Every structure is written in structure tokens, then in C-alpha cells.
């Protein structure tokens, strides 16, 4: 069973049934190798000195395999002419959103003493738990980083495979190590561990 932050959810505070479903699935189907942060928030300062607030749906961490940012899209999703639509409404590109969150978190971590000289393998993925994706979603959305309905039945295998995918693409080959977990808890404790 994965370690979850927050440990329990007040499901009435979360309007997304897909996020509730995935929270329960991660908790029950991932092994204790994994720590999962739900609705993690952080702030980074950009090059102009302005503070930017960031949030992502899930951050999955393995001391051996690294960090995975996961954005969740629910309902009817359509990718047409380089535009994304959710339930027929124009929406942000979820892959770009996940990728932006990945680099934002990496920037935050690299500015903290524990992470300064540490290898950090960090990747991103997008979950479509209501759909089966059978078509190409563009070059920046390879099937390896898509969690769709069929993958839910092999959730731990999928999680490991996508994290290994990013390990193979990374210049950093070292493991995070066990001490990375409490360090990440400290990073997110205001937004995740104490806010529910």
C-alpha cells in the first residue's frame, strides 16, 4: 500500500470523481515503495523576481525510480488541430501543463540545500482514467506517458514503466534515496499534509 499525503481525503472537498478514484487506486494498488502527494502546491520565483504559484494533481515518488508529475483529465477529451477540448470546451494542453509543473518543481528543489548536488530523475505523465486512448495525441504525448483506462488494471507496472522511461531519458542516473521522502514532505507540508 502506498503512503499517501494527505493520509485521508475529505472527498466532499474534491469535485473530481476521477481524482477521488485515482487517489483510492494509488493508495490500494501501489506498493509501499511509493509515496503519493495529492494536490501538491508550491511557489517558485521566476527570472523577473515574480512569485509563481504551481499545483499538480499527483506527485508519485520512488526512492529508486524518481519523481513523476501526473496531471488528470476527466470526461470527454478531444485533441484536434493542435487544440485540446474537455467536454467540448477549449482547455489547456495537459502534457504542457504537466511538463511545466515538472520543471517548476525541479527549479524549486534545486534551490534547497538537500537537493543541490543530488541526482533528480523527474518525469511527467497525463491520466485519462475515463478513456481508452487509441490514437496519436502528438509528438509531445507518447503512449508511454499516458495513463488511460486499460492501464488502470496494471497500475504499478505502468507507474514503474513510465518512471523507467524518464530514467532512460535523464542525464541523472542516481537514485533519490530514502531521505528524499521526508525532504519532499517538508517541501509540501503546508499545502498537502496540513491542509486537509
C-alpha atoms as a PDB file:
ATOM      1  CA  UNK A   1       0.000   0.000   0.000  1.00  0.00           C
ATOM      2  CA  UNK A   2       1.401   3.405  -0.979  1.00  0.00           C
ATOM      3  CA  UNK A   3       1.967   6.132   1.583  1.00  0.00           C
ATOM      4  CA  UNK A   4      -0.423   8.974   0.805  1.00  0.00           C
ATOM      5  CA  UNK A   5      -0.282  12.694   1.554  1.00  0.00           C
ATOM      6  CA  UNK A   6      -2.754  13.729   2.749  1.00  0.00           C
ATOM      7  CA  UNK A   7      -3.313  10.417   4.518  1.00  0.00           C
ATOM      8  CA  UNK A   8      -7.083  10.692   4.100  1.00  0.00           C
ATOM      9  CA  UNK A   9      -9.183  12.810   1.805  1.00  0.00           C
ATOM     10  CA  UNK A  10     -12.334  14.683   2.574  1.00  0.00           C
ATOM     11  CA  UNK A  11     -13.978  13.566  -0.646  1.00  0.00           C
ATOM     12  CA  UNK A  12     -16.641  16.268  -0.397  1.00  0.00           C
ATOM     13  CA  UNK A  13     -13.899  18.879  -0.924  1.00  0.00           C
ATOM     14  CA  UNK A  14     -12.837  17.317  -4.223  1.00  0.00           C
ATOM     15  CA  UNK A  15     -15.253  17.850  -7.082  1.00  0.00           C
ATOM     16  CA  UNK A  16     -13.431  15.500  -9.465  1.00  0.00           C
ATOM     17  CA  UNK A  17     -14.603  11.903  -9.256  1.00  0.00           C
ATOM     18  CA  UNK A  18     -11.609  10.837 -11.355  1.00  0.00           C
ATOM     19  CA  UNK A  19      -9.160  12.287  -8.817  1.00  0.00           C
ATOM     20  CA  UNK A  20     -11.025  10.601  -5.951  1.00  0.00           C
ATOM     21  CA  UNK A  21     -10.916   7.329  -7.865  1.00  0.00           C
ATOM     22  CA  UNK A  22      -7.208   7.620  -8.665  1.00  0.00           C
ATOM     23  CA  UNK A  23      -6.367   8.565  -5.062  1.00  0.00           C
ATOM     24  CA  UNK A  24      -8.003   5.335  -3.831  1.00  0.00           C
ATOM     25  CA  UNK A  25      -6.383   3.318  -6.601  1.00  0.00           C
ATOM     26  CA  UNK A  26      -2.884   4.653  -5.888  1.00  0.00           C
ATOM     27  CA  UNK A  27      -3.354   4.044  -2.175  1.00  0.00           C
ATOM     28  CA  UNK A  28      -4.503   0.444  -2.611  1.00  0.00           C
ATOM     29  CA  UNK A  29      -2.706  -0.745  -5.761  1.00  0.00           C
ATOM     30  CA  UNK A  30       0.776   0.756  -5.429  1.00  0.00           C
ATOM     31  CA  UNK A  31       3.252  -0.934  -3.102  1.00  0.00           C
ATOM     32  CA  UNK A  32       4.956   0.714  -0.132  1.00  0.00           C
ATOM     33  CA  UNK A  33       7.840   1.596  -2.452  1.00  0.00           C
ATOM     34  CA  UNK A  34       5.770   4.622  -3.477  1.00  0.00           C
ATOM     35  CA  UNK A  35       4.777   7.861  -1.760  1.00  0.00           C
ATOM     36  CA  UNK A  36       1.978   9.820  -3.426  1.00  0.00           C
ATOM     37  CA  UNK A  37       1.190  13.506  -2.889  1.00  0.00           C
ATOM     38  CA  UNK A  38      -2.254  14.638  -3.961  1.00  0.00           C
ATOM     39  CA  UNK A  39      -2.956  18.238  -4.969  1.00  0.00           C
ATOM     40  CA  UNK A  40       0.561  19.405  -4.127  1.00  0.00           C
ATOM     41  CA  UNK A  41       1.150  23.163  -4.235  1.00  0.00           C
ATOM     42  CA  UNK A  42       4.375  25.159  -4.267  1.00  0.00           C
ATOM     43  CA  UNK A  43       5.779  28.549  -5.229  1.00  0.00           C
ATOM     44  CA  UNK A  44       8.784  29.465  -7.299  1.00  0.00           C
ATOM     45  CA  UNK A  45      10.321  32.804  -8.215  1.00  0.00           C
ATOM     46  CA  UNK A  46      10.747  33.404 -11.935  1.00  0.00           C
ATOM     47  CA  UNK A  47      13.598  35.264 -13.652  1.00  0.00           C
ATOM     48  CA  UNK A  48      11.841  38.608 -13.167  1.00  0.00           C
ATOM     49  CA  UNK A  49      11.581  38.018  -9.421  1.00  0.00           C
ATOM     50  CA  UNK A  50       7.845  37.357  -9.518  1.00  0.00           C
ATOM     51  CA  UNK A  51       6.349  34.557  -7.446  1.00  0.00           C
ATOM     52  CA  UNK A  52       4.518  31.908  -9.417  1.00  0.00           C
ATOM     53  CA  UNK A  53       2.111  29.506  -7.755  1.00  0.00           C
ATOM     54  CA  UNK A  54       2.051  25.946  -9.023  1.00  0.00           C
ATOM     55  CA  UNK A  55      -0.144  22.947  -8.347  1.00  0.00           C
ATOM     56  CA  UNK A  56      -0.386  19.456  -9.754  1.00  0.00           C
ATOM     57  CA  UNK A  57      -2.865  16.659  -9.270  1.00  0.00           C
ATOM     58  CA  UNK A  58      -0.462  13.933  -8.152  1.00  0.00           C
ATOM     59  CA  UNK A  59       3.253  13.564  -7.488  1.00  0.00           C
ATOM     60  CA  UNK A  60       4.401   9.945  -7.273  1.00  0.00           C
ATOM     61  CA  UNK A  61       7.794   9.318  -5.672  1.00  0.00           C
ATOM     62  CA  UNK A  62      10.013   6.245  -5.517  1.00  0.00           C
ATOM     63  CA  UNK A  63      13.419   6.407  -3.791  1.00  0.00           C
ATOM     64  CA  UNK A  64      14.773   4.148  -6.566  1.00  0.00           C
ATOM     65  CA  UNK A  65      12.922   5.401  -9.652  1.00  0.00           C
ATOM     66  CA  UNK A  66      12.494   9.145  -9.078  1.00  0.00           C
ATOM     67  CA  UNK A  67       9.598  11.600  -9.205  1.00  0.00           C
ATOM     68  CA  UNK A  68       6.581  11.589 -11.515  1.00  0.00           C
ATOM     69  CA  UNK A  69       4.235  14.545 -12.030  1.00  0.00           C
ATOM     70  CA  UNK A  70       0.752  13.381 -13.056  1.00  0.00           C
ATOM     71  CA  UNK A  71      -1.997  15.626 -14.401  1.00  0.00           C
ATOM     72  CA  UNK A  72      -5.514  14.182 -14.532  1.00  0.00           C
ATOM     73  CA  UNK A  73      -8.050  14.891 -17.271  1.00  0.00           C
ATOM     74  CA  UNK A  74     -11.576  13.577 -16.881  1.00  0.00           C
ATOM     75  CA  UNK A  75     -14.590  13.263 -19.082  1.00  0.00           C
ATOM     76  CA  UNK A  76     -14.599  13.516 -22.852  1.00  0.00           C
ATOM     77  CA  UNK A  77     -11.230  14.654 -24.203  1.00  0.00           C
ATOM     78  CA  UNK A  78     -10.568  15.636 -27.798  1.00  0.00           C
ATOM     79  CA  UNK A  79      -7.320  16.632 -29.491  1.00  0.00           C
ATOM     80  CA  UNK A  80      -7.987  18.326 -32.811  1.00  0.00           C
ATOM     81  CA  UNK A  81      -5.829  20.613 -34.941  1.00  0.00           C
ATOM     82  CA  UNK A  82      -3.312  21.106 -32.091  1.00  0.00           C
ATOM     83  CA  UNK A  83      -6.115  22.150 -29.710  1.00  0.00           C
ATOM     84  CA  UNK A  84      -7.380  20.343 -26.615  1.00  0.00           C
ATOM     85  CA  UNK A  85     -11.054  20.154 -25.685  1.00  0.00           C
ATOM     86  CA  UNK A  86     -12.534  18.793 -22.474  1.00  0.00           C
ATOM     87  CA  UNK A  87     -16.279  18.111 -22.647  1.00  0.00           C
ATOM     88  CA  UNK A  88     -16.373  20.209 -25.874  1.00  0.00           C
ATOM     89  CA  UNK A  89     -14.722  23.220 -24.164  1.00  0.00           C
ATOM     90  CA  UNK A  90     -11.287  24.509 -25.198  1.00  0.00           C
ATOM     91  CA  UNK A  91      -8.756  23.681 -22.473  1.00  0.00           C
ATOM     92  CA  UNK A  92      -5.027  23.787 -21.742  1.00  0.00           C
ATOM     93  CA  UNK A  93      -2.708  21.190 -23.209  1.00  0.00           C
ATOM     94  CA  UNK A  94      -2.394  18.744 -20.262  1.00  0.00           C
ATOM     95  CA  UNK A  95       1.002  17.500 -21.407  1.00  0.00           C
ATOM     96  CA  UNK A  96       2.449  21.020 -21.498  1.00  0.00           C
ATOM     97  CA  UNK A  97       0.868  21.691 -18.126  1.00  0.00           C
ATOM     98  CA  UNK A  98       2.473  18.557 -16.635  1.00  0.00           C
ATOM     99  CA  UNK A  99       5.827  19.388 -18.244  1.00  0.00           C
ATOM    100  CA  UNK A 100       5.729  22.972 -16.900  1.00  0.00           C
ATOM    101  CA  UNK A 101       4.990  21.632 -13.423  1.00  0.00           C
ATOM    102  CA  UNK A 102       7.908  19.221 -13.737  1.00  0.00           C
ATOM    103  CA  UNK A 103      10.426  21.961 -14.486  1.00  0.00           C
ATOM    104  CA  UNK A 104       8.931  24.271 -11.880  1.00  0.00           C
ATOM    105  CA  UNK A 105       9.296  21.607  -9.187  1.00  0.00           C
ATOM    106  CA  UNK A 106      12.832  20.821 -10.342  1.00  0.00           C
ATOM    107  CA  UNK A 107      13.717  24.526 -10.018  1.00  0.00           C
ATOM    108  CA  UNK A 108      12.266  24.621  -6.517  1.00  0.00           C
ATOM    109  CA  UNK A 109      14.142  21.518  -5.396  1.00  0.00           C
ATOM    110  CA  UNK A 110      17.485  22.602  -6.871  1.00  0.00           C
ATOM    111  CA  UNK A 111      17.270  25.772  -4.737  1.00  0.00           C
ATOM    112  CA  UNK A 112      17.068  23.797  -1.491  1.00  0.00           C
ATOM    113  CA  UNK A 113      20.234  22.550   0.267  1.00  0.00           C
ATOM    114  CA  UNK A 114      19.378  18.827   0.290  1.00  0.00           C
ATOM    115  CA  UNK A 115      18.814  18.739  -3.469  1.00  0.00           C
ATOM    116  CA  UNK A 116      21.673  20.986  -4.634  1.00  0.00           C
ATOM    117  CA  UNK A 117      24.084  18.263  -5.769  1.00  0.00           C
ATOM    118  CA  UNK A 118      21.596  15.421  -5.902  1.00  0.00           C
ATOM    119  CA  UNK A 119      20.587  13.494  -8.988  1.00  0.00           C
ATOM    120  CA  UNK A 120      16.888  14.062  -9.580  1.00  0.00           C
ATOM    121  CA  UNK A 121      15.104  11.960 -12.168  1.00  0.00           C
ATOM    122  CA  UNK A 122      11.764  13.671 -12.690  1.00  0.00           C
ATOM    123  CA  UNK A 123       9.190  12.945 -15.360  1.00  0.00           C
ATOM    124  CA  UNK A 124       5.639  13.802 -16.260  1.00  0.00           C
ATOM    125  CA  UNK A 125       2.545  11.975 -17.447  1.00  0.00           C
ATOM    126  CA  UNK A 126      -1.152  12.561 -18.033  1.00  0.00           C
ATOM    127  CA  UNK A 127      -4.036  10.391 -16.827  1.00  0.00           C
ATOM    128  CA  UNK A 128      -7.242   9.891 -18.808  1.00  0.00           C
ATOM    129  CA  UNK A 129      -8.972   7.456 -16.424  1.00  0.00           C
ATOM    130  CA  UNK A 130     -12.322   7.656 -18.244  1.00  0.00           C
ATOM    131  CA  UNK A 131     -10.937   6.854 -21.702  1.00  0.00           C
ATOM    132  CA  UNK A 132      -9.045   4.381 -23.824  1.00  0.00           C
ATOM    133  CA  UNK A 133      -6.582   6.287 -26.000  1.00  0.00           C
ATOM    134  CA  UNK A 134      -6.195   4.542 -29.362  1.00  0.00           C
ATOM    135  CA  UNK A 135      -4.891   7.413 -31.469  1.00  0.00           C
ATOM    136  CA  UNK A 136      -1.839   9.639 -31.658  1.00  0.00           C
ATOM    137  CA  UNK A 137      -2.016  12.748 -29.471  1.00  0.00           C
ATOM    138  CA  UNK A 138       1.062  14.419 -30.920  1.00  0.00           C
ATOM    139  CA  UNK A 139       4.806  14.107 -30.632  1.00  0.00           C
ATOM    140  CA  UNK A 140       4.919  15.519 -27.097  1.00  0.00           C
ATOM    141  CA  UNK A 141       2.361  12.933 -25.887  1.00  0.00           C
ATOM    142  CA  UNK A 142       3.857   9.477 -26.471  1.00  0.00           C
ATOM    143  CA  UNK A 143       1.803   6.495 -25.321  1.00  0.00           C
ATOM    144  CA  UNK A 144       4.457   5.660 -22.686  1.00  0.00           C
ATOM    145  CA  UNK A 145       3.395   8.658 -20.595  1.00  0.00           C
ATOM    146  CA  UNK A 146      -0.377   8.161 -20.878  1.00  0.00           C
ATOM    147  CA  UNK A 147      -2.367   6.503 -18.110  1.00  0.00           C
ATOM    148  CA  UNK A 148      -5.666   5.514 -19.680  1.00  0.00           C
ATOM    149  CA  UNK A 149      -8.407   3.108 -18.625  1.00  0.00           C
ATOM    150  CA  UNK A 150      -6.708  -0.155 -19.684  1.00  0.00           C
ATOM    151  CA  UNK A 151      -3.533   0.804 -17.766  1.00  0.00           C
ATOM    152  CA  UNK A 152      -5.521   1.127 -14.519  1.00  0.00           C
ATOM    153  CA  UNK A 153      -5.611  -2.678 -14.316  1.00  0.00           C
ATOM    154  CA  UNK A 154      -1.797  -2.789 -14.214  1.00  0.00           C
ATOM    155  CA  UNK A 155      -1.224   0.393 -12.255  1.00  0.00           C
ATOM    156  CA  UNK A 156       2.036  -0.477 -10.502  1.00  0.00           C
ATOM    157  CA  UNK A 157       3.578  -1.891 -13.677  1.00  0.00           C
ATOM    158  CA  UNK A 158       2.534   1.229 -15.598  1.00  0.00           C
ATOM    159  CA  UNK A 159       3.920   3.524 -12.868  1.00  0.00           C
ATOM    160  CA  UNK A 160       7.268   1.755 -12.866  1.00  0.00           C
ATOM    161  CA  UNK A 161       7.462   1.691 -16.658  1.00  0.00           C
ATOM    162  CA  UNK A 162       6.796   5.425 -17.053  1.00  0.00           C
ATOM    163  CA  UNK A 163       9.351   6.240 -14.356  1.00  0.00           C
ATOM    164  CA  UNK A 164      11.909   3.979 -16.062  1.00  0.00           C
ATOM    165  CA  UNK A 165      11.047   5.742 -19.351  1.00  0.00           C
ATOM    166  CA  UNK A 166      12.122   9.065 -17.780  1.00  0.00           C
ATOM    167  CA  UNK A 167      15.195   7.491 -16.140  1.00  0.00           C
ATOM    168  CA  UNK A 168      16.394   6.373 -19.550  1.00  0.00           C
ATOM    169  CA  UNK A 169      15.964   9.896 -20.932  1.00  0.00           C
ATOM    170  CA  UNK A 170      17.668  11.589 -17.982  1.00  0.00           C
ATOM    171  CA  UNK A 171      21.275  12.672 -17.617  1.00  0.00           C
ATOM    172  CA  UNK A 172      20.921  11.963 -13.886  1.00  0.00           C
ATOM    173  CA  UNK A 173      21.162   8.250 -13.230  1.00  0.00           C
ATOM    174  CA  UNK A 174      21.390   8.185  -9.430  1.00  0.00           C
ATOM    175  CA  UNK A 175      18.636   7.179  -7.045  1.00  0.00           C
ATOM    176  CA  UNK A 176      16.806   9.705  -4.878  1.00  0.00           C
ATOM    177  CA  UNK A 177      17.298   7.589  -1.753  1.00  0.00           C
ATOM    178  CA  UNK A 178      15.022   7.198   1.274  1.00  0.00           C
ATOM    179  CA  UNK A 179      15.924  10.612   2.757  1.00  0.00           C
ATOM    180  CA  UNK A 180      14.283  12.290  -0.241  1.00  0.00           C
ATOM    181  CA  UNK A 181      10.835  11.358   1.065  1.00  0.00           C
ATOM    182  CA  UNK A 182      10.953  13.394   4.309  1.00  0.00           C
ATOM    183  CA  UNK A 183      12.604  16.221   2.382  1.00  0.00           C
ATOM    184  CA  UNK A 184       9.686  16.271  -0.070  1.00  0.00           C
ATOM    185  CA  UNK A 185       7.223  16.102   2.814  1.00  0.00           C
ATOM    186  CA  UNK A 186       8.864  19.262   4.167  1.00  0.00           C
ATOM    187  CA  UNK A 187       8.503  20.939   0.774  1.00  0.00           C
ATOM    188  CA  UNK A 188       4.808  20.150   0.523  1.00  0.00           C
ATOM    189  CA  UNK A 189       3.680  20.019   4.145  1.00  0.00           C
ATOM    190  CA  UNK A 190       1.926  23.378   4.078  1.00  0.00           C
ATOM    191  CA  UNK A 191      -0.134  22.516   1.017  1.00  0.00           C
ATOM    192  CA  UNK A 192      -0.604  18.769   1.358  1.00  0.00           C
ATOM    193  CA  UNK A 193      -0.044  17.273   4.760  1.00  0.00           C
ATOM    194  CA  UNK A 194      -1.644  20.024   6.826  1.00  0.00           C
ATOM    195  CA  UNK A 195      -4.360  21.419   4.618  1.00  0.00           C
ATOM    196  CA  UNK A 196      -6.953  18.671   4.934  1.00  0.00           C
END
